[in-house]
Amino acid sequence: MINRRAAVGLLSTSVLVSACGSTTVAAGRGDAPVVPARTPAPRTPARAAWRPIPGLGPETTAAIPGQARQAVVVTGRGRDSPVSTAVLYERTEAGWQSGQIWPAHNALHGWSGHHTAGDLRSPLGVYTLSDAGGLLADPGSRLSYDRSSGFVSPGTGFEGEPLAGSFDYVVAIDYNRRPGTSPLDWTRPLGLGRGGGIWIHVDHGGPTHGCVSIGKAHMKALLRALDPDRHPVVVLGYADWLAR
């Protein structure tokens, strides 16, 4: 026969061992069960924000084709300024990764949303980059490269600077031209009145007629970097316009 004091002792020491090493104390008459504290679930780290191209507003960003994985962004100082910068961006899983900032020139009178032949303005917009060429040998371009003596630039620029060597390396901007042809091809789908022959070429130290120009070393680096499999584009405009 178990006396009353022994029964109480047995009740108070009865313990049930549950899974994962947690314990639950057996409840006696009128006692509420003791619920073990739960270990909080580990927090899932927040995914890093996707990086857009800085300086581009929603309208300009939307104009970049979804398949584009490279974008040369040329940002002008102002609507009527010939001074600009150029940056090659690469699209990654985390967003657009910036390259170096290169000093650049654009057309003498700045920019136009409706470029015409002889207006001395560079065309605003987003354009594909398909073909390259130059007076000098191919420096390692992955774009189709046309070496030709036709890439000559005689005379002087708007500030009296010599133009020789400006077309040593060029990348054709697909404005009013037929992609898949030499930059020297004169096919103009929009008509001759809308201009053409808009290139990225070697900087000669002053404004251009409509092209974008960067340093010779930067042109060689750009030619080696542009990859047709990454569907490169160029984004052209002055800062306020690009920010739309």
Foldseek 3Di string as FASTA:
>chain_A
DDDPVVVVVVQQPDWDQDPPRDTWRDDDPPDDTDDDDDDDDDDDDDDAAADEDPLFAPVQSVQPDPLAQKEWEWAAADQQAQWTWIWIWGQDPRYTDIDDIFTKTFFNRHADCQAWPQPRYAHAGKFWWAAKEACADQLAAQHHYHHDPVQADADADPVRFGCGQFRRIKIATPQQDDHPDYLPDPRGPVDNGSPGSAIETDDRPDHDSHHMYTHPVVRSVVRNPDHVSNGYMYGDDHSVVSRD
